[in-house]
């Protein structure tokens, strides 16, 4: 019977159990993460709020979802290198 083959994920999970290697892996993962665009973060918060009102006030929830979409689109249009930015 062949030996068990460890997947990369299993190997990383085992490595995280070693304190020094685990700390190094957590540091590397943290440095790789891209910063979150504030407009995306704000829109996500609006959608979360809209989901809370979805059952009790559908109109208000719909307005919040629309506001989140507009906020993202405006931010996308105003970012450097966008088509709107090139027209200025």
N, C-alpha and C. Protein backbone atom coordinates (compact mmCIF):
# COMPACT_ATOMS: atom_id res chain seq x y z
N UNK A 1 0.85 -1.18 0.00
CA UNK A 1 0.00 0.00 0.00
C UNK A 1 0.90 1.24 0.00
N UNK A 2 0.63 2.25 -0.91
CA UNK A 2 1.49 3.43 -0.99
C UNK A 2 1.35 4.29 0.26
N UNK A 3 2.44 5.03 0.52
CA UNK A 3 2.41 5.96 1.65
C UNK A 3 1.39 7.06 1.38
N UNK A 4 0.88 7.64 2.45
CA UNK A 4 -0.08 8.73 2.31
C UNK A 4 0.60 9.93 1.65
N UNK A 5 -0.09 10.52 0.72
CA UNK A 5 0.43 11.69 0.03
C UNK A 5 -0.16 12.92 0.71
N UNK A 6 0.71 13.82 1.11
CA UNK A 6 0.26 15.03 1.78
C UNK A 6 0.03 16.12 0.74
N UNK A 7 -1.11 16.73 0.82
CA UNK A 7 -1.40 17.84 -0.08
C UNK A 7 -0.67 19.08 0.44
N UNK A 8 -0.49 20.09 -0.41
CA UNK A 8 0.14 21.33 0.07
C UNK A 8 -0.62 21.94 1.24
N UNK A 9 -1.96 21.86 1.20
CA UNK A 9 -2.76 22.42 2.29
C UNK A 9 -2.48 21.68 3.60
N UNK A 10 -2.42 20.36 3.55
CA UNK A 10 -2.14 19.58 4.75
C UNK A 10 -0.76 19.90 5.28
N UNK A 11 0.20 20.04 4.40
CA UNK A 11 1.56 20.37 4.81
C UNK A 11 1.60 21.73 5.50
N UNK A 12 0.89 22.72 4.95
CA UNK A 12 0.85 24.03 5.58
C UNK A 12 0.15 23.99 6.93
N UNK A 13 -0.92 23.20 7.03
CA UNK A 13 -1.61 23.10 8.31
C UNK A 13 -0.70 22.47 9.36
N UNK A 14 0.07 21.48 8.97
CA UNK A 14 1.02 20.87 9.90
C UNK A 14 2.13 21.84 10.27
N UNK A 15 2.57 22.63 9.31
CA UNK A 15 3.64 23.59 9.57
C UNK A 15 3.17 24.67 10.55
N UNK A 16 1.88 25.02 10.49
CA UNK A 16 1.38 26.06 11.39
C UNK A 16 1.39 25.60 12.84
N UNK A 17 1.48 24.31 13.06
CA UNK A 17 1.53 23.80 14.44
C UNK A 17 2.91 24.02 15.06
N UNK A 18 3.91 24.28 14.23
CA UNK A 18 5.24 24.60 14.72
C UNK A 18 5.26 26.11 14.96
N UNK A 19 5.50 26.55 16.20
CA UNK A 19 5.34 27.97 16.52
C UNK A 19 6.12 28.93 15.62
N UNK A 20 7.37 28.68 15.38
CA UNK A 20 8.18 29.60 14.60
C UNK A 20 7.73 29.63 13.14
N UNK A 21 7.55 28.45 12.56
CA UNK A 21 7.13 28.37 11.16
C UNK A 21 5.72 28.92 10.99
N UNK A 22 4.85 28.64 11.97
CA UNK A 22 3.49 29.15 11.92
C UNK A 22 3.48 30.67 11.93
N UNK A 23 4.30 31.28 12.78
CA UNK A 23 4.39 32.74 12.85
C UNK A 23 4.89 33.32 11.54
N UNK A 24 5.86 32.66 10.94
CA UNK A 24 6.39 33.12 9.65
C UNK A 24 5.32 33.04 8.57
N UNK A 25 4.57 31.94 8.52
CA UNK A 25 3.52 31.80 7.52
C UNK A 25 2.42 32.85 7.70
N UNK A 26 2.02 33.12 8.93
CA UNK A 26 1.00 34.14 9.19
C UNK A 26 1.50 35.52 8.77
N UNK A 27 2.77 35.80 8.99
CA UNK A 27 3.34 37.08 8.59
C UNK A 27 3.35 37.20 7.07
N UNK A 28 3.75 36.15 6.39
CA UNK A 28 3.79 36.18 4.93
C UNK A 28 2.39 36.34 4.35
N UNK A 29 1.43 35.62 4.91
CA UNK A 29 0.05 35.75 4.41
C UNK A 29 -0.45 37.17 4.60
N UNK A 30 -0.13 37.78 5.73
CA UNK A 30 -0.56 39.15 5.99
C UNK A 30 0.05 40.14 5.04
N UNK A 31 1.29 39.90 4.62
CA UNK A 31 1.96 40.84 3.72
C UNK A 31 1.48 40.69 2.29
N UNK A 32 0.89 39.55 1.96
CA UNK A 32 0.43 39.31 0.59
C UNK A 32 -0.95 39.90 0.34
N UNK A 33 -1.75 40.05 1.38
CA UNK A 33 -3.12 40.54 1.20
C UNK A 33 -3.13 41.94 0.60
N UNK A 34 -4.00 42.11 -0.37
CA UNK A 34 -4.14 43.43 -0.99
C UNK A 34 -4.99 44.31 -0.10
N UNK A 35 -4.70 45.59 -0.08
CA UNK A 35 -5.54 46.50 0.71
C UNK A 35 -6.94 46.57 0.12
N UNK A 36 -7.93 46.69 0.97
CA UNK A 36 -9.31 46.75 0.52
C UNK A 36 -9.64 48.18 0.12
N UNK A 37 -10.22 48.31 -1.05
CA UNK A 37 -10.66 49.60 -1.55
C UNK A 37 -11.76 50.12 -0.61
N UNK A 38 -11.64 51.36 -0.12
CA UNK A 38 -12.65 51.89 0.80
C UNK A 38 -14.06 51.87 0.21
N UNK A 39 -14.20 52.11 -1.08
CA UNK A 39 -15.52 52.09 -1.71
C UNK A 39 -16.13 50.69 -1.67
N UNK A 40 -15.31 49.68 -1.88
CA UNK A 40 -15.79 48.30 -1.82
C UNK A 40 -16.21 47.96 -0.39
N UNK A 41 -15.41 48.40 0.58
CA UNK A 41 -15.73 48.15 1.99
C UNK A 41 -17.03 48.86 2.38
N UNK A 42 -17.20 50.11 1.95
CA UNK A 42 -18.42 50.86 2.26
C UNK A 42 -19.64 50.22 1.62
N UNK A 43 -19.49 49.80 0.37
CA UNK A 43 -20.61 49.17 -0.33
C UNK A 43 -20.99 47.85 0.35
N UNK A 44 -20.00 47.11 0.81
CA UNK A 44 -20.29 45.85 1.52
C UNK A 44 -21.06 46.12 2.81
N UNK A 45 -20.69 47.19 3.50
CA UNK A 45 -21.40 47.55 4.74
C UNK A 45 -22.84 47.95 4.43
N UNK A 46 -23.04 48.69 3.34
CA UNK A 46 -24.40 49.05 2.94
C UNK A 46 -25.23 47.82 2.60
N UNK A 47 -24.63 46.88 1.90
CA UNK A 47 -25.36 45.66 1.55
C UNK A 47 -25.69 44.83 2.79
N UNK A 48 -24.78 44.81 3.74
CA UNK A 48 -25.05 44.11 4.99
C UNK A 48 -26.24 44.74 5.72
N UNK A 49 -26.27 46.07 5.76
CA UNK A 49 -27.38 46.77 6.38
C UNK A 49 -28.68 46.50 5.61
N UNK A 50 -28.60 46.52 4.29
CA UNK A 50 -29.78 46.24 3.46
C UNK A 50 -30.32 44.85 3.72
N UNK A 51 -29.43 43.88 3.91
CA UNK A 51 -29.89 42.52 4.19
C UNK A 51 -30.65 42.45 5.51
N UNK A 52 -30.30 43.29 6.48
CA UNK A 52 -31.01 43.30 7.76
C UNK A 52 -32.43 43.83 7.60
N UNK A 53 -32.64 44.74 6.64
CA UNK A 53 -33.96 45.33 6.43
C UNK A 53 -34.77 44.64 5.34
N UNK A 54 -34.19 43.65 4.71
CA UNK A 54 -34.83 42.99 3.57
C UNK A 54 -36.22 42.46 3.90
N UNK A 55 -36.41 41.87 5.07
CA UNK A 55 -37.71 41.28 5.42
C UNK A 55 -38.69 42.30 6.00
N UNK A 56 -38.20 43.35 6.64
CA UNK A 56 -39.09 44.29 7.32
C UNK A 56 -39.43 45.51 6.48
N UNK A 57 -38.51 45.98 5.65
CA UNK A 57 -38.75 47.17 4.84
C UNK A 57 -38.05 47.00 3.50
N UNK A 58 -38.75 46.35 2.58
CA UNK A 58 -38.14 46.00 1.29
C UNK A 58 -37.74 47.23 0.48
N UNK A 59 -38.52 48.28 0.56
CA UNK A 59 -38.20 49.50 -0.20
C UNK A 59 -36.91 50.13 0.28
N UNK A 60 -36.76 50.22 1.59
CA UNK A 60 -35.54 50.78 2.16
C UNK A 60 -34.34 49.90 1.81
N UNK A 61 -34.53 48.59 1.90
CA UNK A 61 -33.44 47.66 1.54
C UNK A 61 -33.05 47.84 0.08
N UNK A 62 -34.03 47.99 -0.79
CA UNK A 62 -33.74 48.19 -2.22
C UNK A 62 -32.96 49.49 -2.43
N UNK A 63 -33.35 50.55 -1.70
CA UNK A 63 -32.62 51.82 -1.80
C UNK A 63 -31.17 51.66 -1.36
N UNK A 64 -30.96 50.91 -0.29
CA UNK A 64 -29.59 50.69 0.20
C UNK A 64 -28.77 49.89 -0.80
N UNK A 65 -29.37 48.85 -1.39
CA UNK A 65 -28.66 48.07 -2.41
C UNK A 65 -28.28 48.95 -3.60
N UNK A 66 -29.21 49.82 -4.01
CA UNK A 66 -28.93 50.72 -5.13
C UNK A 66 -27.81 51.70 -4.78
N UNK A 67 -27.85 52.21 -3.56
CA UNK A 67 -26.81 53.14 -3.12
C UNK A 67 -25.44 52.46 -3.13
N UNK A 68 -25.40 51.21 -2.70
CA UNK A 68 -24.13 50.47 -2.69
C UNK A 68 -23.60 50.32 -4.12
N UNK A 69 -24.49 49.98 -5.05
CA UNK A 69 -24.07 49.84 -6.45
C UNK A 69 -23.56 51.16 -7.02
N UNK A 70 -24.30 52.25 -6.75
CA UNK A 70 -23.87 53.56 -7.25
C UNK A 70 -22.52 53.97 -6.66
N UNK A 71 -22.34 53.69 -5.38
CA UNK A 71 -21.09 54.05 -4.71
C UNK A 71 -19.91 53.33 -5.36
N UNK A 72 -20.07 52.04 -5.63
CA UNK A 72 -19.00 51.28 -6.28
C UNK A 72 -18.74 51.78 -7.70
N UNK A 73 -19.81 52.05 -8.44
CA UNK A 73 -19.63 52.52 -9.81
C UNK A 73 -18.96 53.88 -9.87
N UNK A 74 -19.34 54.77 -8.95
CA UNK A 74 -18.70 56.09 -8.90
C UNK A 74 -17.22 55.96 -8.58
N UNK A 75 -16.90 55.11 -7.62
CA UNK A 75 -15.50 54.91 -7.25
C UNK A 75 -14.72 54.30 -8.41
N UNK A 76 -15.35 53.37 -9.12
CA UNK A 76 -14.69 52.73 -10.26
C UNK A 76 -14.44 53.75 -11.37
N UNK A 77 -15.40 54.63 -11.59
CA UNK A 77 -15.27 55.63 -12.65
C UNK A 77 -14.22 56.69 -12.30
N UNK A 78 -14.04 56.95 -11.01
CA UNK A 78 -13.11 58.00 -10.59
C UNK A 78 -11.70 57.50 -10.29
N UNK A 79 -11.46 56.22 -10.40
CA UNK A 79 -10.12 55.73 -10.08
C UNK A 79 -9.15 56.10 -11.21
N UNK A 80 -7.89 56.29 -10.86
CA UNK A 80 -6.90 56.64 -11.89
C UNK A 80 -6.82 55.58 -12.97
N UNK A 81 -6.78 56.02 -14.22
CA UNK A 81 -6.66 55.10 -15.33
C UNK A 81 -8.00 54.66 -15.90
N UNK A 82 -9.13 55.09 -15.30
CA UNK A 82 -10.43 54.71 -15.81
C UNK A 82 -10.75 55.53 -17.06
N UNK A 83 -11.77 55.13 -17.79
CA UNK A 83 -12.16 55.85 -19.00
C UNK A 83 -12.54 57.29 -18.67
N UNK A 84 -13.24 57.49 -17.56
CA UNK A 84 -13.62 58.85 -17.15
C UNK A 84 -12.40 59.68 -16.82
N UNK A 85 -11.41 59.06 -16.23
CA UNK A 85 -10.18 59.77 -15.87
C UNK A 85 -9.41 60.19 -17.13
N UNK A 86 -9.43 59.36 -18.16
CA UNK A 86 -8.72 59.67 -19.40
C UNK A 86 -9.40 60.82 -20.16
N UNK A 87 -10.71 61.01 -19.96
CA UNK A 87 -11.42 62.09 -20.66
C UNK A 87 -11.13 63.46 -20.06
N UNK A 88 -10.65 63.52 -18.84
CA UNK A 88 -10.41 64.82 -18.17
C UNK A 88 -9.24 65.54 -18.75
